[in-house]
Amino acid sequence: MASVYTPKLRTAGVIAAELGVPLHRVLHVLRTRQHIRPSARAGTLRLYDREALALIRHELNAIDARRKGGSDG
C-alpha cells in the first residue's frame, strides 16, 4: 500500500505555542508580512505549513535582532 503524505497545517495559535512566543507577535508578523500566506482555510481559520512557520520564525528573529541592536547605542 502506498503511503500518502498528509501535510501538517497549523493555526497562528499553534505556531505561537511551537515557537514559544505570545500569539500577538505571530499575528503581527502575519498581518505585516504579505509574503507569508496561508496554505489552506478551514472555515474562518487560516492554516499555515512548515515553510510559513520557518518564515515566521525568521521574521521574529529579525525583529528581535533589530530591537537589540537599537538599544545598545
PDB file of N, CA and C in Angstrom:
ATOM      1  N   MET A   1       0.843  -1.177   0.000  1.00  0.00           N
ATOM      2  CA  MET A   1       0.000   0.000   0.000  1.00  0.00           C
ATOM      3  C   MET A   1       0.888   1.240   0.000  1.00  0.00           C
ATOM      4  N   ALA A   2       0.580   2.192  -0.841  1.00  0.00           N
ATOM      5  CA  ALA A   2       1.371   3.421  -0.946  1.00  0.00           C
ATOM      6  C   ALA A   2       1.046   4.348   0.216  1.00  0.00           C
ATOM      7  N   SER A   3       2.085   4.975   0.725  1.00  0.00           N
ATOM      8  CA  SER A   3       1.848   5.928   1.810  1.00  0.00           C
ATOM      9  C   SER A   3       1.433   7.267   1.221  1.00  0.00           C
ATOM     10  N   VAL A   4       0.558   7.928   1.897  1.00  0.00           N
ATOM     11  CA  VAL A   4       0.042   9.223   1.443  1.00  0.00           C
ATOM     12  C   VAL A   4       0.580  10.292   2.369  1.00  0.00           C
ATOM     13  N   TYR A   5       1.186  11.321   1.764  1.00  0.00           N
ATOM     14  CA  TYR A   5       1.711  12.431   2.558  1.00  0.00           C
ATOM     15  C   TYR A   5       0.567  13.322   2.988  1.00  0.00           C
ATOM     16  N   THR A   6       0.454  13.539   4.274  1.00  0.00           N
ATOM     17  CA  THR A   6      -0.542  14.450   4.808  1.00  0.00           C
ATOM     18  C   THR A   6       0.184  15.627   5.433  1.00  0.00           C
ATOM     19  N   PRO A   7       0.034  16.829   4.845  1.00  0.00           N
ATOM     20  CA  PRO A   7       0.749  17.975   5.401  1.00  0.00           C
ATOM     21  C   PRO A   7       0.215  18.343   6.778  1.00  0.00           C
ATOM     22  N   LYS A   8       1.112  18.813   7.624  1.00  0.00           N
ATOM     23  CA  LYS A   8       0.710  19.266   8.947  1.00  0.00           C
ATOM     24  C   LYS A   8       0.514  20.775   8.865  1.00  0.00           C
ATOM     25  N   LEU A   9      -0.718  21.189   8.964  1.00  0.00           N
ATOM     26  CA  LEU A   9      -1.036  22.604   8.900  1.00  0.00           C
ATOM     27  C   LEU A   9      -1.349  23.109  10.297  1.00  0.00           C
ATOM     28  N   ARG A  10      -0.945  24.348  10.558  1.00  0.00           N
ATOM     29  CA  ARG A  10      -1.048  24.913  11.900  1.00  0.00           C
ATOM     30  C   ARG A  10      -1.800  26.235  11.869  1.00  0.00           C
ATOM     31  N   THR A  11      -2.507  26.498  12.943  1.00  0.00           N
ATOM     32  CA  THR A  11      -3.122  27.817  13.112  1.00  0.00           C
ATOM     33  C   THR A  11      -2.074  28.757  13.708  1.00  0.00           C
ATOM     34  N   ALA A  12      -2.382  30.045  13.744  1.00  0.00           N
ATOM     35  CA  ALA A  12      -1.470  31.019  14.340  1.00  0.00           C
ATOM     36  C   ALA A  12      -1.211  30.699  15.812  1.00  0.00           C
ATOM     37  N   GLY A  13      -2.224  30.228  16.506  1.00  0.00           N
ATOM     38  CA  GLY A  13      -2.060  29.874  17.920  1.00  0.00           C
ATOM     39  C   GLY A  13      -1.111  28.707  18.120  1.00  0.00           C
ATOM     40  N   VAL A  14      -1.196  27.719  17.266  1.00  0.00           N
ATOM     41  CA  VAL A  14      -0.307  26.569  17.353  1.00  0.00           C
ATOM     42  C   VAL A  14       1.121  27.000  17.017  1.00  0.00           C
ATOM     43  N   ILE A  15       1.268  27.863  16.024  1.00  0.00           N
ATOM     44  CA  ILE A  15       2.592  28.375  15.667  1.00  0.00           C
ATOM     45  C   ILE A  15       3.202  29.119  16.848  1.00  0.00           C
ATOM     46  N   ALA A  16       2.416  29.964  17.498  1.00  0.00           N
ATOM     47  CA  ALA A  16       2.911  30.702  18.658  1.00  0.00           C
ATOM     48  C   ALA A  16       3.378  29.741  19.751  1.00  0.00           C
ATOM     49  N   ALA A  17       2.603  28.698  19.998  1.00  0.00           N
ATOM     50  CA  ALA A  17       2.977  27.720  21.018  1.00  0.00           C
ATOM     51  C   ALA A  17       4.256  26.980  20.631  1.00  0.00           C
ATOM     52  N   GLU A  18       4.379  26.593  19.359  1.00  0.00           N
ATOM     53  CA  GLU A  18       5.575  25.874  18.915  1.00  0.00           C
ATOM     54  C   GLU A  18       6.822  26.745  19.002  1.00  0.00           C
ATOM     55  N   LEU A  19       6.676  28.039  18.726  1.00  0.00           N
ATOM     56  CA  LEU A  19       7.824  28.941  18.765  1.00  0.00           C
ATOM     57  C   LEU A  19       8.075  29.515  20.155  1.00  0.00           C
ATOM     58  N   GLY A  20       7.125  29.321  21.060  1.00  0.00           N
ATOM     59  CA  GLY A  20       7.282  29.824  22.422  1.00  0.00           C
ATOM     60  C   GLY A  20       7.192  31.333  22.517  1.00  0.00           C
ATOM     61  N   VAL A  21       6.328  31.929  21.699  1.00  0.00           N
ATOM     62  CA  VAL A  21       6.149  33.384  21.710  1.00  0.00           C
ATOM     63  C   VAL A  21       4.669  33.697  21.910  1.00  0.00           C
ATOM     64  N   PRO A  22       4.366  34.908  22.365  1.00  0.00           N
ATOM     65  CA  PRO A  22       2.958  35.279  22.520  1.00  0.00           C
ATOM     66  C   PRO A  22       2.237  35.320  21.167  1.00  0.00           C
ATOM     67  N   LEU A  23       0.964  34.995  21.182  1.00  0.00           N
ATOM     68  CA  LEU A  23       0.162  34.970  19.970  1.00  0.00           C
ATOM     69  C   LEU A  23       0.175  36.312  19.245  1.00  0.00           C
ATOM     70  N   HIS A  24       0.175  37.416  19.981  1.00  0.00           N
ATOM     71  CA  HIS A  24       0.117  38.725  19.328  1.00  0.00           C
ATOM     72  C   HIS A  24       1.334  38.987  18.445  1.00  0.00           C
ATOM     73  N   ARG A  25       2.470  38.400  18.787  1.00  0.00           N
ATOM     74  CA  ARG A  25       3.666  38.580  17.943  1.00  0.00           C
ATOM     75  C   ARG A  25       3.516  37.844  16.611  1.00  0.00           C
ATOM     76  N   VAL A  26       2.987  36.636  16.664  1.00  0.00           N
ATOM     77  CA  VAL A  26       2.756  35.879  15.426  1.00  0.00           C
ATOM     78  C   VAL A  26       1.711  36.596  14.575  1.00  0.00           C
ATOM     79  N   LEU A  27       0.644  37.059  15.185  1.00  0.00           N
ATOM     80  CA  LEU A  27      -0.398  37.768  14.441  1.00  0.00           C
ATOM     81  C   LEU A  27       0.150  39.044  13.808  1.00  0.00           C
ATOM     82  N   HIS A  28       1.037  39.739  14.506  1.00  0.00           N
ATOM     83  CA  HIS A  28       1.655  40.943  13.949  1.00  0.00           C
ATOM     84  C   HIS A  28       2.452  40.606  12.693  1.00  0.00           C
ATOM     85  N   VAL A  29       3.249  39.554  12.756  1.00  0.00           N
ATOM     86  CA  VAL A  29       4.041  39.147  11.587  1.00  0.00           C
ATOM     87  C   VAL A  29       3.108  38.779  10.435  1.00  0.00           C
ATOM     88  N   LEU A  30       2.070  38.017  10.712  1.00  0.00           N
ATOM     89  CA  LEU A  30       1.151  37.608   9.653  1.00  0.00           C
ATOM     90  C   LEU A  30       0.412  38.792   9.047  1.00  0.00           C
ATOM     91  N   ARG A  31       0.124  39.794   9.855  1.00  0.00           N
ATOM     92  CA  ARG A  31      -0.570  40.990   9.366  1.00  0.00           C
ATOM     93  C   ARG A  31       0.331  41.875   8.523  1.00  0.00           C
ATOM     94  N   THR A  32       1.613  41.942   8.858  1.00  0.00           N
ATOM     95  CA  THR A  32       2.506  42.919   8.236  1.00  0.00           C
ATOM     96  C   THR A  32       3.421  42.336   7.166  1.00  0.00           C
ATOM     97  N   ARG A  33       3.500  41.030   7.034  1.00  0.00           N
ATOM     98  CA  ARG A  33       4.361  40.396   6.022  1.00  0.00           C
ATOM     99  C   ARG A  33       3.463  39.729   4.993  1.00  0.00           C
ATOM    100  N   GLN A  34       3.211  40.452   3.907  1.00  0.00           N
ATOM    101  CA  GLN A  34       2.263  39.980   2.900  1.00  0.00           C
ATOM    102  C   GLN A  34       2.740  38.725   2.166  1.00  0.00           C
ATOM    103  N   HIS A  35       4.038  38.429   2.217  1.00  0.00           N
ATOM    104  CA  HIS A  35       4.557  37.257   1.528  1.00  0.00           C
ATOM    105  C   HIS A  35       4.295  35.950   2.283  1.00  0.00           C
ATOM    106  N   ILE A  36       3.845  36.044   3.534  1.00  0.00           N
ATOM    107  CA  ILE A  36       3.508  34.840   4.298  1.00  0.00           C
ATOM    108  C   ILE A  36       1.997  34.648   4.181  1.00  0.00           C
ATOM    109  N   ARG A  37       1.628  33.642   3.429  1.00  0.00           N
ATOM    110  CA  ARG A  37       0.208  33.403   3.152  1.00  0.00           C
ATOM    111  C   ARG A  37      -0.219  32.032   3.667  1.00  0.00           C
ATOM    112  N   PRO A  38      -1.490  31.903   4.021  1.00  0.00           N
ATOM    113  CA  PRO A  38      -1.972  30.602   4.480  1.00  0.00           C
ATOM    114  C   PRO A  38      -1.943  29.568   3.352  1.00  0.00           C
ATOM    115  N   SER A  39      -1.724  28.336   3.719  1.00  0.00           N
ATOM    116  CA  SER A  39      -1.744  27.239   2.749  1.00  0.00           C
ATOM    117  C   SER A  39      -3.161  26.754   2.498  1.00  0.00           C
ATOM    118  N   ALA A  40      -4.021  26.929   3.502  1.00  0.00           N
ATOM    119  CA  ALA A  40      -5.404  26.461   3.390  1.00  0.00           C
ATOM    120  C   ALA A  40      -6.264  27.243   4.378  1.00  0.00           C
ATOM    121  N   ARG A  41      -7.544  27.058   4.227  1.00  0.00           N
ATOM    122  CA  ARG A  41      -8.507  27.632   5.160  1.00  0.00           C
ATOM    123  C   ARG A  41      -9.473  26.548   5.602  1.00  0.00           C
ATOM    124  N   ALA A  42      -9.875  26.645   6.850  1.00  0.00           N
ATOM    125  CA  ALA A  42     -10.901  25.754   7.388  1.00  0.00           C
ATOM    126  C   ALA A  42     -11.942  26.655   8.027  1.00  0.00           C
ATOM    127  N   GLY A  43     -12.965  26.972   7.276  1.00  0.00           N
ATOM    128  CA  GLY A  43     -13.929  27.959   7.741  1.00  0.00           C
ATOM    129  C   GLY A  43     -13.250  29.313   7.772  1.00  0.00           C
ATOM    130  N   THR A  44     -13.186  29.930   8.942  1.00  0.00           N
ATOM    131  CA  THR A  44     -12.517  31.224   9.068  1.00  0.00           C
ATOM    132  C   THR A  44     -11.064  31.095   9.517  1.00  0.00           C
ATOM    133  N   LEU A  45     -10.632  29.882   9.824  1.00  0.00           N
ATOM    134  CA  LEU A  45      -9.257  29.668  10.274  1.00  0.00           C
ATOM    135  C   LEU A  45      -8.293  29.666   9.088  1.00  0.00           C
ATOM    136  N   ARG A  46      -7.181  30.343   9.262  1.00  0.00           N
ATOM    137  CA  ARG A  46      -6.106  30.284   8.270  1.00  0.00           C
ATOM    138  C   ARG A  46      -5.096  29.259   8.762  1.00  0.00           C
ATOM    139  N   LEU A  47      -4.659  28.397   7.871  1.00  0.00           N
ATOM    140  CA  LEU A  47      -3.746  27.318   8.228  1.00  0.00           C
ATOM    141  C   LEU A  47      -2.439  27.483   7.471  1.00  0.00           C
ATOM    142  N   TYR A  48      -1.329  27.276   8.174  1.00  0.00           N
ATOM    143  CA  TYR A  48      -0.005  27.533   7.621  1.00  0.00           C
ATOM    144  C   TYR A  48       0.820  26.254   7.635  1.00  0.00           C
ATOM    145  N   ASP A  49       1.673  26.093   6.606  1.00  0.00           N
ATOM    146  CA  ASP A  49       2.543  24.928   6.516  1.00  0.00           C
ATOM    147  C   ASP A  49       3.887  25.209   7.179  1.00  0.00           C
ATOM    148  N   ARG A  50       4.809  24.235   7.082  1.00  0.00           N
ATOM    149  CA  ARG A  50       6.099  24.395   7.767  1.00  0.00           C
ATOM    150  C   ARG A  50       6.970  25.465   7.116  1.00  0.00           C
ATOM    151  N   GLU A  51       6.772  25.723   5.837  1.00  0.00           N
ATOM    152  CA  GLU A  51       7.517  26.816   5.190  1.00  0.00           C
ATOM    153  C   GLU A  51       7.115  28.162   5.797  1.00  0.00           C
ATOM    154  N   ALA A  52       5.828  28.346   6.012  1.00  0.00           N
ATOM    155  CA  ALA A  52       5.347  29.571   6.651  1.00  0.00           C
ATOM    156  C   ALA A  52       5.870  29.659   8.083  1.00  0.00           C
ATOM    157  N   LEU A  53       5.923  28.533   8.774  1.00  0.00           N
ATOM    158  CA  LEU A  53       6.471  28.501  10.131  1.00  0.00           C
ATOM    159  C   LEU A  53       7.916  28.997  10.129  1.00  0.00           C
ATOM    160  N   ALA A  54       8.704  28.543   9.163  1.00  0.00           N
ATOM    161  CA  ALA A  54      10.100  28.972   9.073  1.00  0.00           C
ATOM    162  C   ALA A  54      10.191  30.465   8.763  1.00  0.00           C
ATOM    163  N   LEU A  55       9.322  30.971   7.895  1.00  0.00           N
ATOM    164  CA  LEU A  55       9.321  32.403   7.575  1.00  0.00           C
ATOM    165  C   LEU A  55       8.939  33.247   8.793  1.00  0.00           C
ATOM    166  N   ILE A  56       7.965  32.771   9.539  1.00  0.00           N
ATOM    167  CA  ILE A  56       7.543  33.497  10.747  1.00  0.00           C
ATOM    168  C   ILE A  56       8.674  33.508  11.764  1.00  0.00           C
ATOM    169  N   ARG A  57       9.325  32.366  11.959  1.00  0.00           N
ATOM    170  CA  ARG A  57      10.465  32.289  12.880  1.00  0.00           C
ATOM    171  C   ARG A  57      11.554  33.274  12.450  1.00  0.00           C
ATOM    172  N   HIS A  58      11.843  33.318  11.160  1.00  0.00           N
ATOM    173  CA  HIS A  58      12.860  34.230  10.630  1.00  0.00           C
ATOM    174  C   HIS A  58      12.482  35.686  10.904  1.00  0.00           C
ATOM    175  N   GLU A  59      11.245  36.042  10.635  1.00  0.00           N
ATOM    176  CA  GLU A  59      10.797  37.425  10.857  1.00  0.00           C
ATOM    177  C   GLU A  59      10.854  37.806  12.335  1.00  0.00           C
ATOM    178  N   LEU A  60      10.468  36.893  13.211  1.00  0.00           N
ATOM    179  CA  LEU A  60      10.535  37.183  14.649  1.00  0.00           C
ATOM    180  C   LEU A  60      11.984  37.371  15.100  1.00  0.00           C
ATOM    181  N   ASN A  61      12.883  36.541  14.575  1.00  0.00           N
ATOM    182  CA  ASN A  61      14.302  36.693  14.906  1.00  0.00           C
ATOM    183  C   ASN A  61      14.844  38.020  14.397  1.00  0.00           C
ATOM    184  N   ALA A  62      14.416  38.434  13.201  1.00  0.00           N
ATOM    185  CA  ALA A  62      14.857  39.710  12.643  1.00  0.00           C
ATOM    186  C   ALA A  62      14.348  40.881  13.486  1.00  0.00           C
ATOM    187  N   ILE A  63      13.112  40.794  13.936  1.00  0.00           N
ATOM    188  CA  ILE A  63      12.559  41.842  14.803  1.00  0.00           C
ATOM    189  C   ILE A  63      13.361  41.919  16.093  1.00  0.00           C
ATOM    190  N   ASP A  64      13.646  40.775  16.698  1.00  0.00           N
ATOM    191  CA  ASP A  64      14.419  40.748  17.945  1.00  0.00           C
ATOM    192  C   ASP A  64      15.826  41.301  17.738  1.00  0.00           C
ATOM    193  N   ALA A  65      16.450  40.968  16.604  1.00  0.00           N
ATOM    194  CA  ALA A  65      17.803  41.463  16.326  1.00  0.00           C
ATOM    195  C   ALA A  65      17.812  42.976  16.156  1.00  0.00           C
ATOM    196  N   ARG A  66      16.826  43.512  15.450  1.00  0.00           N
ATOM    197  CA  ARG A  66      16.742  44.974  15.296  1.00  0.00           C
ATOM    198  C   ARG A  66      16.496  45.653  16.642  1.00  0.00           C
ATOM    199  N   ARG A  67      15.649  45.042  17.456  1.00  0.00           N
ATOM    200  CA  ARG A  67      15.329  45.614  18.779  1.00  0.00           C
ATOM    201  C   ARG A  67      16.579  45.646  19.665  1.00  0.00           C
ATOM    202  N   LYS A  68      17.348  44.569  19.671  1.00  0.00           N
ATOM    203  CA  LYS A  68      18.556  44.503  20.497  1.00  0.00           C
ATOM    204  C   LYS A  68      19.643  45.402  19.940  1.00  0.00           C
ATOM    205  N   GLY A  69      19.760  45.495  18.628  1.00  0.00           N
ATOM    206  CA  GLY A  69      20.780  46.347  18.010  1.00  0.00           C
ATOM    207  C   GLY A  69      20.545  47.816  18.260  1.00  0.00           C
ATOM    208  N   GLY A  70      19.307  48.239  18.330  1.00  0.00           N
ATOM    209  CA  GLY A  70      18.985  49.639  18.552  1.00  0.00           C
ATOM    210  C   GLY A  70      19.133  50.077  20.002  1.00  0.00           C
ATOM    211  N   SER A  71      19.080  49.145  20.956  1.00  0.00           N
ATOM    212  CA  SER A  71      19.151  49.531  22.361  1.00  0.00           C
ATOM    213  C   SER A  71      20.566  49.614  22.901  1.00  0.00           C
ATOM    214  N   ASP A  72      21.556  49.121  22.123  1.00  0.00           N
ATOM    215  CA  ASP A  72      22.932  49.143  22.600  1.00  0.00           C
ATOM    216  C   ASP A  72      23.592  50.509  22.427  1.00  0.00           C
ATOM    217  N   GLY A  73      23.057  51.327  21.516  1.00  0.00           N
ATOM    218  CA  GLY A  73      23.706  52.587  21.174  1.00  0.00           C
ATOM    219  C   GLY A  73      23.358  53.637  22.105  1.00  0.00           C
TER     220      GLY A  73
END
